[in-house]
Protein backbone atom coordinates (compact mmCIF):
# COMPACT_ATOMS: atom_id res chain seq x y z
CA MET A 1 11.90 10.73 -21.75
CA GLU A 2 11.54 10.69 -17.99
CA THR A 3 9.81 9.11 -15.06
CA ILE A 4 7.19 11.37 -13.49
CA GLY A 5 7.06 10.11 -9.91
CA LEU A 6 6.39 6.94 -7.99
CA HIS A 7 3.68 4.62 -9.31
CA HIS A 8 3.26 1.74 -6.86
CA VAL A 9 5.02 -0.51 -4.40
CA THR A 10 4.36 -4.26 -4.43
CA VAL A 11 4.46 -6.23 -1.18
CA ALA A 12 3.70 -9.79 -0.15
CA THR A 13 1.49 -11.14 2.62
CA HIS A 14 0.57 -14.60 3.83
CA ASP A 15 -2.67 -13.48 5.51
CA ILE A 16 -4.62 -11.42 2.99
CA GLN A 17 -7.63 -10.85 5.28
CA ARG A 18 -5.44 -9.56 8.12
CA PHE A 19 -3.67 -7.32 5.63
CA TYR A 20 -6.98 -5.94 4.34
CA ASN A 21 -8.19 -5.24 7.88
CA PHE A 22 -4.99 -3.38 8.76
CA TYR A 23 -4.65 -1.28 5.62
CA ASN A 24 -8.33 -0.61 4.95
CA LYS A 25 -9.90 -0.49 8.41
CA LEU A 26 -7.02 0.96 10.41
CA LEU A 27 -5.00 2.98 7.89
CA GLY A 28 -8.09 3.94 5.89
CA LEU A 29 -6.77 3.05 2.42
CA LYS A 30 -9.38 2.35 -0.22
CA LEU A 31 -9.45 -1.12 -1.77
CA ILE A 32 -9.31 -0.23 -5.46
CA LYS A 33 -9.36 -3.68 -7.00
CA GLU A 34 -9.32 -7.34 -5.97
CA SER A 35 -8.07 -9.79 -8.57
CA MET A 36 -6.04 -12.97 -8.77
CA ASN A 37 -2.28 -13.25 -8.71
CA ILE A 38 -1.17 -13.64 -12.34
CA GLU A 39 1.61 -16.03 -11.28
CA ASN A 40 -0.71 -18.16 -9.10
CA ASP A 41 -4.46 -17.86 -9.66
CA ALA A 42 -5.19 -19.56 -6.32
CA MET A 43 -3.76 -16.47 -4.60
CA LYS A 44 -5.29 -12.97 -4.48
CA HIS A 45 -3.86 -9.67 -5.69
CA LEU A 46 -5.17 -6.48 -4.09
CA TYR A 47 -4.63 -2.83 -4.99
CA PHE A 48 -5.06 -0.07 -2.41
CA GLY A 49 -4.85 3.64 -3.19
CA ASP A 50 -6.56 7.00 -3.18
CA ASN A 51 -10.20 7.48 -4.21
CA ASN A 52 -9.50 7.01 -7.94
CA GLY A 53 -6.58 4.60 -7.74
CA ASN A 54 -4.20 7.15 -9.21
CA ALA A 55 -0.61 6.26 -10.01
CA GLY A 56 1.61 7.39 -7.15
CA THR A 57 -0.89 6.33 -4.48
CA LEU A 58 -0.93 2.57 -5.04
CA LEU A 59 0.03 -0.33 -2.83
CA SER A 60 -0.05 -3.62 -4.73
CA VAL A 61 -0.39 -6.69 -2.50
CA LEU A 62 0.33 -10.28 -3.50
CA GLU A 63 -0.96 -13.15 -1.41
CA VAL A 64 1.68 -15.87 -0.93
CA ALA A 65 1.21 -19.43 0.27
CA LYS A 66 4.03 -19.65 2.82
CA PRO A 67 4.49 -17.46 5.92
CA PHE A 68 7.66 -15.37 6.03
CA THR A 69 9.61 -13.34 8.54
CA ILE A 70 11.08 -9.87 8.06
CA GLU A 71 14.87 -10.31 7.96
CA ASP A 72 17.63 -7.74 8.11
CA CYS A 73 19.64 -7.84 4.91
CA SER A 74 21.40 -5.70 2.34
CA ASP A 75 20.41 -4.97 -1.25
CA GLU A 76 16.70 -4.73 -0.64
CA ILE A 77 13.77 -2.37 -0.69
CA TYR A 78 13.95 -1.68 3.02
CA ALA A 79 10.78 0.34 3.58
CA TYR A 80 8.13 2.50 1.94
CA SER A 81 6.20 5.45 3.26
CA PHE A 82 2.77 7.00 2.99
CA ARG A 83 2.01 10.70 2.70
CA VAL A 84 -0.40 12.42 5.08
CA PRO A 85 -1.43 16.08 4.75
CA THR A 86 -0.02 17.66 7.94
CA ASP A 87 2.14 17.13 11.00
CA TYR A 88 -1.06 16.87 13.06
CA SER A 89 -2.13 13.92 10.89
CA LEU A 90 0.76 11.98 12.44
CA TYR A 91 -0.76 12.58 15.88
CA VAL A 92 -4.15 11.37 14.62
CA PHE A 93 -2.56 8.11 13.48
CA LYS A 94 -0.64 7.75 16.76
CA GLN A 95 -4.00 7.77 18.51
CA ARG A 96 -5.33 5.11 16.13
CA PHE A 97 -2.22 2.98 16.66
CA ASP A 98 -2.58 3.26 20.44
CA ALA A 99 -6.21 2.13 20.24
CA ALA A 100 -5.28 -0.84 18.03
CA ASN A 101 -2.09 -1.73 19.94
CA VAL A 102 0.12 -1.14 16.89
CA LYS A 103 3.85 -0.76 17.50
CA TYR A 104 5.33 2.59 16.49
CA GLU A 105 8.42 4.66 17.20
CA THR A 106 9.15 8.29 18.05
CA VAL A 107 8.43 10.90 15.38
CA ILE A 108 11.62 11.68 13.45
CA LYS A 109 12.64 13.94 10.59
CA ILE A 110 13.19 12.48 7.12
CA ASN A 111 14.81 14.95 4.76
CA GLY A 112 13.35 17.83 6.77
CA LYS A 113 9.82 16.45 7.08
CA HIS A 114 8.25 14.92 10.19
CA ALA A 115 7.62 11.19 9.95
CA LEU A 116 6.16 8.47 12.15
CA PRO A 117 7.71 4.99 11.83
CA PHE A 118 5.38 2.07 12.59
CA TYR A 119 5.15 -1.68 12.00
CA ASP A 120 2.35 -3.18 9.92
CA CYS A 121 0.47 -6.47 10.36
CA ASP A 122 3.33 -8.47 8.79
CA GLY A 123 6.02 -6.79 10.88
CA ARG A 124 7.49 -4.62 8.11
CA LYS A 125 8.56 -1.09 8.92
CA VAL A 126 6.52 1.64 7.25
CA TYR A 127 6.72 5.42 7.61
CA LEU A 128 3.97 8.02 7.64
CA ILE A 129 5.48 11.26 6.35
CA SER A 130 3.94 14.72 6.62
CA ASP A 131 3.35 16.79 3.49
CA GLU A 132 3.05 20.00 5.51
CA LEU A 133 6.43 21.33 4.29
CA ASN A 134 6.47 19.41 1.02
CA ASN A 135 6.73 20.73 -2.52
CA GLY A 136 6.53 18.79 -5.78
CA ILE A 137 4.14 16.02 -6.82
CA PRO A 138 0.66 16.78 -5.39
CA LEU A 139 -1.30 14.56 -3.05
CA GLY A 140 -4.02 12.21 -4.28
CA GLU A 141 -7.77 12.45 -3.71
CA PRO A 142 -9.50 11.66 -0.37
CA THR A 143 -11.91 8.74 -0.12
CA PRO A 144 -15.41 9.76 1.10
CA ASP A 145 -16.11 6.55 3.06
CA SER A 146 -12.64 6.02 4.56
CA THR A 147 -12.38 5.21 8.26
CA VAL A 148 -10.01 8.19 8.52
CA ASP A 149 -11.20 11.80 8.27
CA ALA A 150 -10.44 13.38 4.88
CA LEU A 151 -8.23 16.00 6.56
CA HIS A 152 -5.81 13.31 7.67
CA GLN A 153 -6.08 10.47 5.15
CA ILE A 154 -3.13 8.77 3.52
CA LEU A 155 -3.06 10.34 0.05
CA GLY A 156 -0.07 8.87 -1.70
CA LEU A 157 3.19 6.98 -1.58
CA GLY A 158 6.10 8.77 -0.01
CA PRO A 159 9.84 8.10 -0.22
CA VAL A 160 10.94 4.49 -0.80
CA PHE A 161 14.08 3.37 1.02
CA LEU A 162 16.76 1.09 -0.43
CA LYS A 163 19.59 -0.54 1.57
CA LEU A 164 22.53 -1.05 -0.78
CA SER A 165 25.99 -2.55 -0.43
CA ASN A 166 27.05 -0.92 -3.71
CA VAL A 167 25.37 2.47 -3.89
CA MET A 168 27.09 3.58 -7.09
CA LEU A 169 25.88 0.55 -9.03
CA THR A 170 22.16 1.07 -8.40
CA ALA A 171 22.37 4.85 -8.40
CA SER A 172 23.84 4.63 -11.91
CA LEU A 173 20.83 2.66 -13.16
CA LEU A 174 18.42 5.11 -11.57
CA THR A 175 20.15 8.27 -12.77
CA GLN A 176 21.74 7.31 -16.09
CA VAL A 177 19.07 4.95 -17.41
CA LEU A 178 15.81 5.92 -15.66
CA ASN A 179 16.82 9.60 -15.53
CA LEU A 180 16.22 10.30 -11.84
CA SER A 181 18.22 13.28 -10.59
CA PRO A 182 20.28 13.70 -7.39
CA ALA A 183 18.35 15.95 -4.99
CA THR A 184 20.02 16.13 -1.58
CA ARG A 185 21.57 14.16 1.29
CA TYR A 186 20.59 13.88 4.96
CA MET A 187 21.24 11.79 8.07
CA LEU A 188 18.71 9.07 8.96
CA PRO A 189 18.77 8.63 12.76
CA SER A 190 18.14 4.87 12.90
CA PHE A 191 21.18 4.16 10.69
CA ASN A 192 23.43 7.10 11.56
CA LYS A 193 24.47 7.22 7.92
CA GLU A 194 24.18 9.79 5.17
CA VAL A 195 21.25 8.98 2.90
CA GLN A 196 21.28 9.95 -0.78
CA VAL A 197 18.00 11.23 -2.23
CA LEU A 198 17.19 10.72 -5.90
CA GLN A 199 14.24 12.53 -7.44
CA SER A 200 11.72 11.54 -10.10
CA GLY A 201 9.52 14.05 -11.93
CA LEU A 202 8.57 17.10 -9.84
CA GLY A 203 10.08 15.39 -6.81
CA GLY A 204 9.12 15.93 -3.21
CA ASN A 205 7.68 13.13 -1.09
CA GLY A 206 5.86 11.58 -4.07
CA GLY A 207 8.92 11.18 -6.25
CA GLU A 208 11.86 10.22 -4.06
CA ILE A 209 14.11 7.20 -3.64
CA HIS A 210 16.29 7.29 -0.51
CA ILE A 211 19.47 5.21 -0.69
CA ILE A 212 21.03 3.95 2.55
CA PRO A 213 24.60 2.60 2.35
CA TYR A 214 24.62 -0.78 4.06
CA GLU A 215 27.28 -3.40 4.60
CA ARG A 216 26.71 -6.48 2.48
CA THR A 217 25.05 -9.38 4.32
CA GLU A 218 25.09 -13.06 3.45
CA LYS A 219 21.39 -12.91 2.71
CA SER A 220 20.15 -10.19 0.38
CA LYS A 221 16.81 -9.04 -0.99
CA ALA A 222 14.09 -9.84 1.51
CA LEU A 223 10.87 -11.09 -0.06
CA ASN A 224 8.38 -8.94 1.86
CA ILE A 225 8.70 -5.91 -0.48
CA GLU A 226 8.80 -7.12 -4.06
CA GLN A 227 9.16 -4.07 -6.33
CA VAL A 228 8.95 -0.30 -6.59
CA ALA A 229 7.55 1.26 -9.76
CA PHE A 230 7.88 4.67 -11.40
CA THR A 231 5.23 6.34 -13.55
CA VAL A 232 5.92 6.97 -17.25
CA SER A 233 3.86 7.95 -20.25
CA ARG A 234 2.92 5.27 -22.77
CA GLU A 235 5.31 6.82 -25.29
CA ALA A 236 8.15 6.91 -22.76
CA LEU A 237 7.59 3.24 -21.88
CA ALA A 238 8.48 2.21 -25.43
CA SER A 239 11.49 4.53 -25.46
CA PHE A 240 12.76 3.18 -22.16
CA LYS A 241 12.35 -0.36 -23.53
CA GLN A 242 14.68 0.51 -26.39
CA LYS A 243 17.16 2.20 -24.08
CA LEU A 244 17.28 -0.81 -21.73
CA LYS A 245 17.97 -3.05 -24.70
CA GLU A 246 20.76 -0.80 -25.94
CA VAL A 247 22.59 -0.75 -22.59
CA ASN A 248 21.98 -4.48 -22.05
CA ILE A 249 20.16 -4.25 -18.71
CA PRO A 250 17.97 -7.29 -17.90
CA HIS A 251 14.32 -6.41 -18.33
CA SER A 252 10.98 -7.93 -19.29
CA LYS A 253 8.83 -7.34 -22.31
CA ILE A 254 6.07 -4.76 -21.95
CA SER A 255 3.56 -6.56 -19.73
CA ASP A 256 -0.17 -5.84 -19.68
CA ARG A 257 -1.23 -5.87 -16.01
CA LYS A 258 -4.90 -5.20 -16.91
CA TYR A 259 -4.93 -1.75 -15.29
CA TYR A 260 -1.62 -0.43 -16.65
CA GLU A 261 1.34 -1.57 -18.73
CA THR A 262 4.75 -2.15 -17.17
CA ILE A 263 8.34 -3.24 -17.69
CA PHE A 264 10.23 -5.09 -14.96
CA ILE A 265 13.92 -4.18 -14.62
CA LYS A 266 16.40 -6.27 -12.62
CA ASP A 267 19.20 -4.27 -11.07
CA LEU A 268 22.55 -5.97 -10.40
CA SER A 269 21.79 -5.61 -6.68
CA GLY A 270 18.85 -7.99 -7.20
CA ILE A 271 16.24 -5.30 -6.64
CA ILE A 272 13.36 -5.23 -9.13
CA PHE A 273 12.23 -1.85 -10.43
CA GLU A 274 9.25 -1.22 -12.69
CA ILE A 275 8.26 1.55 -15.05
CA SER A 276 4.49 1.70 -15.44
CA THR A 277 1.89 3.71 -17.33
CA GLU A 278 -0.97 5.65 -15.78
CA THR A 279 -3.73 3.50 -14.31
CA HIS A 280 -7.24 2.82 -15.62
CA PHE A 281 -9.12 0.94 -12.90
CA LYS A 282 -12.58 2.21 -13.87
């Protein structure tokens, strides 16, 4: 019983059309499905991903009624990243960002791989990370009609970053209950702190959670990034459900999200994790 990599990240946006323009037109992600928000059918729910909408490549986007600002706080999903094939792909996106007047920072190294931090249309920090030196979970499939050349397209989710005031608490859930394994540690320049890397499945960029120790703030859990999900088999989903019940960790029933089944898990930090089955968009 194990998780086999990242599945999706869920984010919120107040301006769904602006979000679509940024992620589809500029970043080149394929719009896999447009549906309504299950919690509020007046709001839209979009899925972006690779050509087939494979698990591990998905960005789930919920439209929300009220505008929000990106706030600095502890105990949150701080950022997510996207995988591109090579180091040169980062340069290709820098050119696109320059042409569109998108804010970005200097290329850095994340766990030994080159990465380009940038800010999306809602002001959240996102990383593009190169797969040139990566091993582990393979990239997704290019989209033929993307605005980005197939050689440089975004082809999957990369490491997801958590800022935690109590690292041991959340790391215990991830390793002892969801069976992620400790992989390595490294220094992240913008925080000047040692980051702990936990690995799901075959690991590499497509299966990593990066935990940043962070002093507790009065406000915790920003609303702009809602959840991060891991991929599991249908059989493992039922087994995990039983395990969560046995160790008394707050979780939902198995929820049918139309295109996959999922369980929501609430960590004591307030962060929501999901475990989700393979997708079936077609």
